[in-house]
Protein backbone atom coordinates (compact mmCIF):
# COMPACT_ATOMS: atom_id res chain seq x y z
CA GLU A 1 -163.60 49.41 -8.28
CA ILE A 2 -162.05 48.23 -11.57
CA CYS A 3 -158.67 47.53 -10.01
CA SER A 4 -160.09 45.42 -7.19
CA THR A 5 -161.34 42.87 -9.73
CA LEU A 6 -158.00 42.44 -11.55
CA GLN A 7 -155.12 40.25 -10.47
CA LEU A 8 -151.89 42.17 -9.62
CA CYS A 9 -153.53 45.57 -10.17
CA ALA A 10 -152.40 48.16 -7.60
CA ILE A 11 -153.92 51.40 -8.90
CA VAL A 12 -155.72 52.86 -11.91
CA SER A 13 -154.17 56.10 -13.22
CA LEU A 14 -156.56 58.40 -15.15
CA ASN A 15 -155.44 60.73 -17.94
CA GLY A 16 -157.73 63.53 -16.76
CA LYS A 17 -158.02 65.47 -13.51
CA THR A 18 -161.27 63.66 -12.60
CA ARG A 19 -162.93 60.39 -13.56
CA ARG A 20 -165.57 62.27 -15.56
CA ALA A 21 -162.93 64.28 -17.44
CA SER A 22 -160.86 61.19 -18.30
CA SER A 23 -161.04 59.32 -21.60
CA TRP A 24 -158.76 56.43 -20.64
CA ALA A 25 -156.91 54.93 -17.69
CA THR A 26 -153.67 53.02 -17.17
CA LEU A 27 -153.55 49.94 -14.96
CA LYS A 28 -150.53 49.96 -12.64
CA ALA A 29 -149.38 46.59 -11.42
CA VAL A 30 -148.28 45.33 -8.04
CA ARG A 31 -144.55 44.80 -8.01
CA ARG A 32 -143.61 41.28 -7.02
CA GLY A 33 -140.15 41.38 -5.50
CA ASP A 34 -139.27 37.80 -6.40
CA GLU A 35 -139.65 38.63 -10.09
CA THR A 36 -137.39 41.71 -10.23
CA TRP A 37 -133.76 42.54 -9.66
CA SER A 38 -133.52 44.55 -6.46
CA ASN A 39 -130.31 46.41 -7.36
CA GLU A 40 -128.04 47.38 -10.21
CA THR A 41 -125.40 44.83 -9.23
CA ALA A 42 -127.53 41.84 -10.21
CA ALA A 43 -128.56 43.50 -13.48
CA ARG A 44 -124.93 44.33 -14.26
CA GLU A 45 -123.83 40.74 -13.60
CA GLN A 46 -126.57 39.42 -15.87
CA ALA A 47 -125.59 41.94 -18.56
CA GLU A 48 -121.98 40.77 -18.42
CA ARG A 49 -123.03 37.13 -18.69
CA ARG A 50 -125.32 37.95 -21.63
CA GLN A 51 -122.62 39.81 -23.52
CA ALA A 52 -120.26 36.84 -23.16
CA ILE A 53 -122.73 34.58 -24.99
CA ARG A 54 -123.09 34.47 -28.76
CA GLU A 55 -126.80 34.13 -29.33
CA PRO A 56 -127.99 31.74 -32.08
CA PRO A 57 -129.92 33.17 -35.04
CA PRO A 58 -133.70 33.19 -34.62
CA PRO A 59 -135.74 30.30 -36.03
CA PRO A 60 -137.42 31.03 -39.36
CA LEU A 61 -141.00 32.20 -39.39
CA LEU A 62 -143.64 29.57 -40.02
CA PRO A 63 -144.81 29.21 -43.65
CA PRO A 64 -147.37 31.75 -44.92
CA LEU A 65 -150.95 30.99 -43.93
CA PRO A 66 -153.99 30.79 -46.25
CA VAL A 67 -155.51 34.22 -46.91
CA GLY A 68 -159.05 35.28 -47.80
CA ALA A 69 -160.08 36.73 -51.16
CA SER A 70 -161.29 40.17 -50.01
CA PRO A 71 -159.51 43.18 -51.53
CA LEU A 72 -158.80 44.21 -47.93
CA CYS A 73 -156.51 41.18 -47.67
CA GLY A 74 -153.96 42.59 -50.12
CA ARG A 75 -152.44 40.60 -52.94
CA MET A 76 -149.53 38.29 -53.60
CA ARG A 77 -146.38 40.19 -54.48
CA SER A 78 -142.95 39.28 -55.81
CA PRO A 79 -140.62 37.27 -53.54
CA SER A 80 -138.64 40.46 -52.88
CA HIS A 81 -141.61 41.75 -50.86
CA ALA A 82 -141.72 38.73 -48.54
CA ILE A 83 -141.30 39.45 -44.84
CA SER A 84 -138.82 36.94 -43.44
CA THR A 85 -137.23 38.75 -40.48
CA VAL A 86 -138.65 40.58 -37.46
CA GLY A 87 -136.79 43.06 -35.29
CA LEU A 88 -137.84 44.48 -31.93
CA PHE A 89 -137.59 48.20 -31.17
CA VAL A 90 -138.45 49.27 -27.62
CA LEU A 91 -138.93 52.80 -26.28
CA THR A 92 -138.62 53.61 -22.57
CA TYR A 93 -138.49 56.77 -20.47
CA ARG A 94 -137.31 56.41 -16.86
CA THR A 95 -139.66 53.52 -16.04
CA PRO A 96 -137.33 50.66 -15.07
CA ARG A 97 -139.86 48.47 -13.28
CA SER A 98 -142.28 48.48 -16.21
CA LEU A 99 -139.38 47.81 -18.56
CA GLU A 100 -138.13 44.86 -16.52
CA TRP A 101 -141.63 43.43 -16.11
CA SER A 102 -142.14 43.53 -19.88
CA MET A 103 -138.69 42.22 -20.75
CA ARG A 104 -139.09 39.24 -18.47
CA SER A 105 -142.40 38.39 -20.14
CA TRP A 106 -140.85 38.75 -23.61
CA GLU A 107 -138.04 36.40 -22.66
CA GLN A 108 -140.11 33.85 -20.75
CA ASN A 109 -142.69 33.54 -23.55
CA GLY A 110 -140.17 33.17 -26.34
CA LEU A 111 -140.38 36.54 -28.08
CA LEU A 112 -136.75 37.62 -27.70
CA GLU A 113 -135.30 34.46 -29.19
CA ARG A 114 -137.44 34.98 -32.30
CA MET A 115 -136.10 38.49 -32.97
CA ALA A 116 -133.35 38.96 -35.55
CA GLN A 117 -132.45 42.34 -34.03
CA LYS A 118 -133.25 44.00 -30.70
CA MET A 119 -132.85 47.71 -29.94
CA LEU A 120 -133.77 49.67 -26.81
CA LEU A 121 -134.03 53.45 -27.06
CA ALA A 122 -133.80 54.82 -23.53
CA ASN A 123 -134.92 58.43 -23.07
CA ASP A 124 -132.94 60.21 -20.32
CA PRO A 125 -132.38 56.79 -18.74
CA GLN A 126 -131.63 55.68 -15.25
CA GLN A 127 -128.56 53.46 -15.07
CA ILE A 128 -130.68 50.40 -14.29
CA GLU A 129 -132.55 50.79 -17.60
CA LEU A 130 -129.30 50.66 -19.57
CA LEU A 131 -128.23 47.57 -17.65
CA LEU A 132 -131.62 45.91 -18.18
CA GLY A 133 -131.34 46.38 -21.93
CA LYS A 134 -127.92 44.73 -22.00
CA ALA A 135 -129.03 41.99 -19.62
CA PHE A 136 -131.76 40.96 -22.08
CA GLY A 137 -129.51 41.15 -25.13
CA PHE A 138 -130.53 44.52 -26.60
CA GLU A 139 -128.43 47.08 -28.36
CA VAL A 140 -128.97 50.09 -26.08
CA LEU A 141 -129.31 53.62 -27.47
CA GLU A 142 -129.52 57.08 -25.93
CA PRO A 143 -130.71 60.09 -27.96
CA ARG A 144 -127.61 62.15 -27.12
CA PHE A 145 -125.43 59.64 -28.98
CA MET A 146 -127.71 59.22 -32.03
CA LYS A 147 -126.91 61.19 -35.17
CA GLY A 148 -129.59 63.25 -36.85
CA VAL A 149 -132.32 63.05 -34.19
CA THR A 150 -134.33 65.98 -32.84
CA GLN A 151 -134.18 66.13 -29.04
CA VAL A 152 -137.15 67.86 -27.42
CA LYS A 153 -135.32 67.91 -24.09
CA PRO A 154 -131.75 66.87 -23.27
CA ASN A 155 -131.44 63.18 -24.16
CA VAL A 156 -135.17 62.83 -24.97
CA VAL A 157 -136.96 62.22 -28.28
CA THR A 158 -140.64 61.88 -29.15
CA ILE A 159 -142.33 58.70 -30.34
CA GLY A 160 -142.51 60.10 -33.89
CA GLN A 161 -138.75 60.65 -33.95
CA ALA A 162 -138.15 57.20 -32.46
CA PHE A 163 -140.34 55.60 -35.13
CA ALA A 164 -138.62 57.44 -37.99
CA TRP A 165 -135.17 56.52 -36.68
CA ALA A 166 -136.13 52.86 -36.22
CA MET A 167 -137.48 52.59 -39.76
CA ALA A 168 -134.30 54.10 -41.22
CA ASN A 169 -131.74 52.29 -39.09
CA MET A 170 -133.00 48.81 -38.34
CA ALA A 171 -132.08 46.09 -40.82
CA THR A 172 -135.02 43.66 -40.56
CA ASP A 173 -137.92 43.42 -43.01
CA SER A 174 -140.40 44.25 -40.25
CA VAL A 175 -140.18 45.98 -36.88
CA LEU A 176 -142.22 45.22 -33.77
CA PHE A 177 -142.53 48.61 -32.05
CA LEU A 178 -143.23 48.35 -28.33
CA GLU A 179 -143.19 50.83 -25.50
CA LYS A 180 -141.82 49.64 -22.19
CA ASP A 181 -145.24 48.84 -20.67
CA PHE A 182 -146.51 46.21 -23.13
CA PRO A 183 -145.82 42.78 -21.58
CA LEU A 184 -146.46 39.59 -23.51
CA VAL A 185 -149.36 37.54 -22.15
CA MET A 186 -149.55 34.65 -24.63
CA PRO A 187 -147.44 31.45 -24.73
CA ALA A 188 -144.60 30.80 -27.15
CA HIS A 189 -146.63 28.77 -29.67
CA GLN A 190 -149.01 31.71 -30.06
CA VAL A 191 -146.05 34.03 -30.61
CA ASP A 192 -144.94 31.79 -33.48
CA VAL A 193 -148.29 31.58 -35.21
CA GLN A 194 -149.27 35.22 -34.71
CA LEU A 195 -145.93 36.57 -35.93
CA SER A 196 -146.13 34.33 -38.98
CA ALA A 197 -149.72 35.36 -39.71
CA ALA A 198 -148.78 39.02 -39.36
CA ALA A 199 -145.78 38.55 -41.65
CA THR A 200 -148.07 36.90 -44.20
CA MET A 201 -150.21 40.05 -44.32
CA LEU A 202 -147.25 42.43 -44.38
CA SER A 203 -145.90 40.48 -47.36
CA ARG A 204 -149.19 41.24 -49.14
CA GLY A 205 -148.76 44.99 -48.75
CA VAL A 206 -150.32 45.70 -45.34
CA ALA A 207 -148.58 48.60 -43.58
CA VAL A 208 -149.15 47.66 -39.92
CA VAL A 209 -150.52 44.68 -37.98
CA TYR A 210 -151.59 45.43 -34.40
CA LEU A 211 -150.89 42.74 -31.80
CA ARG A 212 -152.58 44.11 -28.69
CA SER A 213 -154.46 41.54 -26.61
CA ARG A 214 -158.24 41.59 -26.60
CA THR A 215 -158.19 40.57 -22.93
CA GLN A 216 -158.14 44.29 -22.03
CA GLN A 217 -161.25 45.09 -24.04
CA GLY A 218 -163.21 47.78 -22.20
CA CYS A 219 -160.24 48.63 -19.95
CA ASP A 220 -157.39 51.12 -20.17
CA SER A 221 -157.39 52.77 -23.63
CA PHE A 222 -158.89 49.64 -25.27
CA LEU A 223 -162.43 50.73 -26.10
CA GLY A 224 -165.27 48.31 -25.36
CA CYS A 225 -167.88 47.24 -27.87
CA SER A 226 -170.52 49.64 -26.58
CA ALA A 227 -168.15 52.53 -25.81
CA VAL A 228 -168.59 54.37 -29.11
CA PRO A 229 -171.02 54.12 -32.03
CA TRP A 230 -170.04 53.09 -35.53
CA VAL A 231 -169.59 56.17 -37.74
CA ASP A 232 -169.97 55.46 -41.43
CA ARG A 233 -168.45 58.65 -42.84
CA GLY A 234 -167.19 62.08 -41.90
CA GLY A 235 -163.39 62.03 -42.13
CA SER A 236 -160.70 60.67 -39.82
CA TRP A 237 -161.73 62.63 -36.74
CA ALA A 238 -165.23 61.15 -37.01
CA THR A 239 -164.29 57.54 -37.89
CA ARG A 240 -161.06 57.17 -35.88
CA THR A 241 -162.57 54.81 -33.27
CA ASN A 242 -164.38 52.47 -35.67
CA TRP A 243 -161.56 49.92 -35.62
CA TRP A 244 -162.24 49.01 -32.00
CA LYS A 245 -165.52 47.50 -33.23
CA PHE A 246 -163.55 44.97 -35.27
CA TYR A 247 -162.52 43.24 -32.02
CA CYS A 248 -166.15 42.59 -31.10
CA ASP A 249 -167.75 39.17 -31.49
CA GLY A 250 -170.10 39.04 -34.44
CA PHE A 251 -169.30 42.50 -35.78
CA GLU A 252 -169.33 42.63 -39.59
CA LYS A 253 -169.21 45.56 -41.99
CA ALA A 254 -168.94 44.57 -45.66
CA GLY A 255 -166.25 46.46 -47.51
CA ARG A 256 -164.78 47.94 -44.33
CA VAL A 257 -163.40 44.88 -42.52
CA ALA A 258 -162.59 41.33 -43.62
CA ASP A 259 -161.39 38.13 -41.96
CA CYS A 260 -158.19 37.61 -43.93
CA ILE A 261 -156.62 34.82 -41.88
CA GLY A 262 -158.96 32.59 -39.92
CA ASP A 263 -162.50 33.54 -38.98
CA ALA A 264 -164.99 33.37 -36.14
CA HIS A 265 -165.22 29.57 -36.47
CA ASN A 266 -161.57 28.73 -35.76
CA ALA A 267 -161.61 29.54 -32.05
CA SER A 268 -158.29 27.78 -31.37
CA GLY A 269 -156.39 29.35 -34.26
CA VAL A 270 -155.08 32.77 -35.18
CA ARG A 271 -157.47 35.30 -36.68
CA LEU A 272 -156.43 38.48 -38.48
CA ARG A 273 -159.04 41.06 -39.48
CA CYS A 274 -158.03 43.70 -42.00
CA TYR A 275 -159.35 47.16 -42.81
CA THR A 276 -157.94 50.56 -43.79
CA SER A 277 -157.05 53.87 -42.20
CA GLU A 278 -160.55 55.04 -43.18
CA ASP A 279 -161.69 53.52 -39.88
CA ALA A 280 -158.73 54.17 -37.57
CA ASN A 281 -156.51 56.62 -35.83
CA TRP A 282 -152.75 56.25 -36.19
CA SER A 283 -151.27 54.17 -33.37
CA LEU A 284 -147.98 52.50 -32.47
CA ASN A 285 -149.39 50.38 -29.65
CA ALA A 286 -147.98 46.86 -30.10
CA ALA A 287 -147.50 47.52 -33.82
CA LEU A 288 -145.70 45.22 -36.25
CA ILE A 289 -144.64 47.46 -39.13
CA ASN A 290 -143.66 46.68 -42.70
CA ARG A 291 -140.37 48.60 -42.48
CA ARG A 292 -139.63 48.75 -46.18
CA ARG A 293 -143.13 49.99 -46.96
CA ALA A 294 -142.83 52.62 -44.22
CA MET A 295 -139.64 53.87 -45.85
CA ARG A 296 -140.70 53.74 -49.51
CA LYS A 297 -144.47 53.90 -49.95
CA ARG A 298 -145.83 57.45 -50.25
CA LEU A 299 -149.31 57.82 -48.82
CA TRP A 300 -150.35 60.05 -51.69
CA GLU A 301 -148.82 60.99 -55.02
CA GLY A 302 -145.85 63.25 -54.39
CA GLY A 303 -146.46 63.02 -50.63
CA GLN A 304 -144.65 61.57 -47.67
CA THR A 305 -143.94 58.08 -46.38
CA LEU A 306 -144.90 56.94 -42.88
CA ALA A 307 -141.25 57.32 -41.83
CA GLU A 308 -141.15 60.88 -43.17
CA LEU A 309 -144.41 61.73 -41.38
CA GLY A 310 -142.91 60.43 -38.13
CA GLN A 311 -139.85 62.61 -38.64
CA ALA A 312 -142.06 65.63 -39.38
CA ALA A 313 -143.76 65.05 -36.00
CA ALA A 314 -140.48 64.94 -34.08
CA ARG A 315 -141.01 68.06 -31.98
CA ARG A 316 -144.22 67.13 -30.08
CA GLN A 317 -145.08 63.85 -28.38
CA ASP A 318 -148.71 63.86 -29.55
CA ALA A 319 -147.99 65.29 -33.01
CA PHE A 320 -147.68 61.99 -34.89
CA GLU A 321 -151.19 60.75 -34.13
CA ASN A 322 -152.84 64.17 -34.21
CA ASP A 323 -151.18 65.22 -37.47
CA MET A 324 -152.42 62.05 -39.16
CA LEU A 325 -155.97 62.88 -38.11
CA GLN A 326 -155.61 66.51 -39.17
CA ARG A 327 -154.32 65.31 -42.52
CA ASN A 328 -157.41 63.05 -42.77
CA TRP A 329 -155.23 60.02 -43.40
CA GLY A 330 -158.33 57.87 -43.78
CA LYS A 331 -158.75 59.09 -47.35
CA TYR A 332 -155.48 57.35 -48.30
CA LYS A 333 -156.92 54.00 -47.15
CA VAL A 334 -153.65 52.70 -45.75
CA PRO A 335 -154.04 48.90 -45.33
CA LEU A 336 -154.04 47.75 -41.70
CA CYS A 337 -154.84 44.58 -39.74
CA ILE A 338 -155.47 43.52 -36.16
CA SER A 339 -154.76 40.20 -34.56
CA TYR A 340 -158.17 39.44 -33.08
CA ASP A 341 -156.73 37.95 -29.89
CA GLY A 342 -153.30 39.60 -29.89
CA LEU A 343 -150.20 39.07 -27.77
CA PHE A 344 -149.54 42.13 -25.59
CA THR A 345 -151.37 44.04 -22.87
CA HIS A 346 -150.76 47.60 -21.69
CA TYR A 347 -149.67 47.28 -18.07
CA GLU A 348 -147.59 49.87 -16.21
CA VAL A 349 -145.73 48.96 -13.04
CA ASP A 350 -143.97 52.25 -12.21
CA GLY A 351 -146.00 54.85 -10.35
């Protein structure tokens, strides 16, 4: 019933054996043949053309935007903490149609030309995935050729391992971490302003800014406003879904969330709401990460950094998120933000 109301939706895939046993669903899109390469030959030709072109450097980010006075909005730091470059790190696993769908949206809406560095990590890839990465100007990686990574299967790494490697090996100040099924749904001018707003907050000490589009609210894994109650205390397992409330019109909670850039009255502009890990689970869905903070900032005295925690979770796909909850990461009050409207949806094309 859900799928029949959505444009280009072919099927809804549930994460449980039955609808009642499922906690979320993935929308799978109709493939439109005129928007995809039908064979490896065309992708290879495009890859060869792309490699023959020297791409210009990305345009600079827009100037920092005005920021609210709440403690949740961070503080001005020295110029050495400024975020001036953004890199794109993409993770895929034998899903070429989803990857191509997303890459076309990233290119058509201006994201790729704004990236100072682009890497694609392809788990146990099909040949077409490697060609797609090169066709869109990415440096293409396979786990079997990467030094120091833990492979859970031949040529396969977990998301925690991928995150840790990206933080250690990319060169940009910040990293936009995307899986292959997060297409861009906003126009280029919104990409500019939202990336700049996010960089403003990262420069003030925020660890992660989430850029998932609110258009999926109540669908897929994006919880709706009435899906779960607000939980005021009880540890990370109890409060892990609170942050979905921050996307809801009119929702306020003094001391727990603040409008740091924009507010409810600037409907045409960007709006960033900031909070802490006290009210969230750990997620890498459409996440723009302060790379240097992830490498250097220990969550607790004598403890581990986000990059080290990702590496520690390298042996199980679900370990990174679950371990953060088991550790009760909310007590460390890691600073986080959401873009209220966001840029990316979760949309899978492959069956």
